[in-house]
Protein backbone atom coordinates (compact mmCIF):
# COMPACT_ATOMS: atom_id res chain seq x y z
CA MET A 1 11.19 -0.20 -21.25
CA THR A 2 11.69 0.70 -17.61
CA GLU A 3 9.89 -1.40 -15.00
CA LEU A 4 7.45 0.61 -12.91
CA THR A 5 8.23 1.00 -9.21
CA MET A 6 5.63 0.90 -6.46
CA THR A 7 5.86 4.70 -6.34
CA ASP A 8 5.15 4.89 -10.09
CA ARG A 9 2.13 2.66 -9.63
CA ALA A 10 0.91 4.70 -6.66
CA ASP A 11 1.24 7.82 -8.81
CA ARG A 12 -1.03 6.23 -11.40
CA ALA A 13 -3.57 5.46 -8.68
CA ARG A 14 -3.37 9.12 -7.63
CA ILE A 15 -4.31 10.13 -11.18
CA ALA A 16 -7.42 7.97 -10.89
CA LEU A 17 -8.12 9.27 -7.38
CA ASP A 18 -7.84 12.90 -8.49
CA ALA A 19 -10.30 12.30 -11.33
CA TYR A 20 -12.65 10.36 -9.03
CA THR A 21 -12.50 13.01 -6.31
CA ALA A 22 -13.23 15.81 -8.78
CA GLU A 23 -16.53 14.10 -9.68
CA ALA A 24 -17.53 12.52 -6.36
CA PRO A 25 -19.58 14.31 -3.70
CA ALA A 26 -17.58 15.96 -0.94
CA ASN A 27 -19.33 13.83 1.69
CA LEU A 28 -17.50 10.52 1.63
CA PHE A 29 -20.38 8.73 3.29
CA SER A 30 -23.09 9.80 0.85
CA PHE A 31 -23.70 6.35 -0.57
CA HIS A 32 -24.57 6.19 -4.24
CA LEU A 33 -26.77 4.02 -6.34
CA HIS A 34 -25.04 1.45 -8.51
CA ASP A 35 -25.18 3.50 -11.72
CA GLU A 36 -23.53 6.49 -10.05
CA ARG A 37 -20.78 4.31 -8.56
CA VAL A 38 -20.13 2.82 -12.00
CA ARG A 39 -19.99 6.31 -13.53
CA LEU A 40 -17.46 7.41 -10.90
CA GLY A 41 -15.45 4.23 -11.44
CA VAL A 42 -15.39 4.86 -15.18
CA VAL A 43 -14.07 8.38 -14.52
CA ALA A 44 -11.16 6.87 -12.54
CA VAL A 45 -10.50 4.13 -15.09
CA GLU A 46 -10.56 6.55 -18.02
CA ALA A 47 -8.08 8.85 -16.27
CA VAL A 48 -5.60 5.99 -15.90
CA ALA A 49 -6.28 4.77 -19.43
CA ARG A 50 -5.40 8.22 -20.78
CA ALA A 51 -2.31 8.44 -18.55
CA THR A 52 -1.10 5.07 -19.82
CA ARG A 53 -1.96 5.96 -23.43
CA ARG A 54 -4.85 3.55 -23.78
CA ASP A 55 -8.00 4.65 -25.55
CA PRO A 56 -10.92 3.98 -23.16
CA ALA A 57 -13.32 3.87 -26.12
CA THR A 58 -11.59 0.78 -27.51
CA LEU A 59 -11.64 -1.37 -24.39
CA SER A 60 -12.21 -5.01 -25.20
CA GLN A 61 -12.81 -7.67 -22.57
CA GLU A 62 -9.09 -8.49 -22.54
CA THR A 63 -7.91 -4.89 -22.24
CA ALA A 64 -10.60 -4.14 -19.66
CA ASP A 65 -9.38 -7.06 -17.55
CA GLU A 66 -5.79 -5.84 -17.88
CA LEU A 67 -6.52 -2.18 -17.19
CA LEU A 68 -8.85 -2.84 -14.25
CA GLY A 69 -6.47 -5.42 -12.77
CA ASP A 70 -3.58 -2.98 -13.09
CA LEU A 71 -5.61 -0.21 -11.49
CA ILE A 72 -6.53 -2.39 -8.52
CA ALA A 73 -2.81 -3.16 -8.06
CA TYR A 74 -2.01 0.56 -8.35
CA VAL A 75 -4.59 1.31 -5.65
CA PHE A 76 -2.99 -1.26 -3.34
CA CYS A 77 0.40 0.38 -3.97
CA LEU A 78 -1.09 3.78 -3.09
CA ALA A 79 -2.52 2.42 0.17
CA ASP A 80 0.62 0.45 1.09
CA GLY A 81 1.78 1.15 4.61
CA ARG A 82 -1.53 2.70 5.65
CA ILE A 83 -4.02 -0.11 5.24
CA ARG A 84 -3.62 -3.71 4.11
CA PRO A 85 -5.32 -4.85 0.88
CA PRO A 86 -7.86 -7.15 2.61
CA GLU A 87 -9.05 -4.32 4.86
CA LEU A 88 -9.14 -1.87 1.96
CA THR A 89 -11.15 -4.35 -0.09
CA ARG A 90 -13.57 -4.90 2.79
CA ALA A 91 -14.02 -1.14 3.09
CA ALA A 92 -14.57 -0.92 -0.68
CA GLU A 93 -17.31 -3.54 -0.40
CA GLN A 94 -19.01 -1.48 2.30
CA PHE A 95 -18.91 1.57 0.04
CA ARG A 96 -20.46 -0.50 -2.78
CA THR A 97 -23.86 -0.60 -1.13
CA SER A 98 -26.41 2.20 -1.11
CA ARG A 99 -27.64 1.13 2.35
CA PRO A 100 -24.72 -0.23 4.36
CA ILE A 101 -25.52 -2.25 7.45
CA ARG A 102 -21.96 -2.11 8.77
CA LEU A 103 -19.39 0.61 8.30
CA ASP A 104 -16.55 -0.65 10.48
CA ALA A 105 -14.13 -1.25 7.60
CA ALA A 106 -15.12 1.96 5.79
CA LEU A 107 -14.61 3.97 8.98
CA ALA A 108 -11.26 2.28 9.65
CA ALA A 109 -10.14 3.09 6.10
CA ASP A 110 -11.21 6.70 6.56
CA GLU A 111 -9.30 6.92 9.85
CA ALA A 112 -6.21 5.66 8.00
CA GLY A 113 -6.66 8.45 5.45
CA MET A 114 -7.79 5.94 2.84
CA GLY A 115 -11.57 6.40 2.89
CA ARG A 116 -11.77 8.07 -0.50
CA VAL A 117 -9.38 5.43 -1.89
CA ALA A 118 -11.66 2.66 -0.57
CA ALA A 119 -14.72 4.33 -2.07
CA MET A 120 -12.93 4.62 -5.42
CA LEU A 121 -11.85 0.97 -5.22
CA GLY A 122 -15.50 0.05 -4.68
CA ALA A 123 -16.44 2.00 -7.80
CA ILE A 124 -13.64 0.33 -9.78
CA ILE A 125 -14.91 -3.07 -8.62
CA ASP A 126 -18.39 -2.09 -9.83
CA VAL A 127 -16.92 -1.27 -13.25
CA ALA A 128 -15.08 -4.60 -13.28
CA HIS A 129 -18.37 -6.39 -12.60
CA GLU A 130 -19.97 -4.47 -15.47
CA TYR A 131 -17.25 -5.83 -17.78
CA ASP A 132 -17.83 -9.34 -16.38
CA CYS A 133 -14.27 -9.45 -15.05
CA ALA A 134 -13.21 -12.10 -12.56
CA VAL A 135 -13.09 -9.57 -9.72
CA THR A 136 -12.14 -11.99 -6.94
CA TRP A 137 -9.20 -13.21 -9.01
CA MET A 138 -8.21 -9.63 -9.91
CA VAL A 139 -8.12 -8.59 -6.25
CA GLU A 140 -6.17 -11.70 -5.20
CA ASP A 141 -3.74 -11.21 -8.08
CA ALA A 142 -3.24 -7.55 -7.13
CA GLU A 143 -2.53 -8.56 -3.51
CA GLU A 144 0.04 -11.14 -4.64
CA PHE A 145 1.58 -8.60 -7.01
CA LEU A 146 1.95 -6.09 -4.17
CA GLU A 147 3.76 -8.68 -2.04
CA GLU A 148 6.08 -9.55 -4.94
CA GLN A 149 6.81 -5.86 -5.57
CA ARG A 150 7.58 -5.24 -1.91
CA ALA A 151 10.00 -8.18 -1.90
CA ALA A 152 11.64 -7.12 -5.18
CA GLU A 153 12.09 -3.53 -4.06
CA ALA A 154 13.42 -4.63 -0.67
CA ALA A 155 15.92 -6.95 -2.36
CA GLY A 156 17.01 -4.17 -4.70
CA ALA A 157 17.42 -1.58 -1.95
């Protein structure tokens, strides 16, 4: 089996983003209630599950952890070069609230062309919480994975 490149992973994140965008309101800053964010996150997750030939209806805790962790890594690959994972994650956290007090990270992500990606990441994180995933670990693992992939692709270039 061929190892996925960062571009392949970014393409998978685009599949999720396209599905998310098709369902999300046009106004990026129309903050949603938790249930709506989870629904939008499920739309993104299901799109990637179908693209990777996984049946979303059969997600167990283990496969949910794997799929959601992979998708977070894919999102970081998609954003690579535009916004760093910690800033994207901070923006995602700001999108996760229905009444944000601060929008600095969300606005910075939007200025980098990654606002919709940050909003989707927030929705994916909400789904991960619903599955009782270790979200902090998943995000840290995805950041480490991105660094390893960058190094591997640079060494192979």
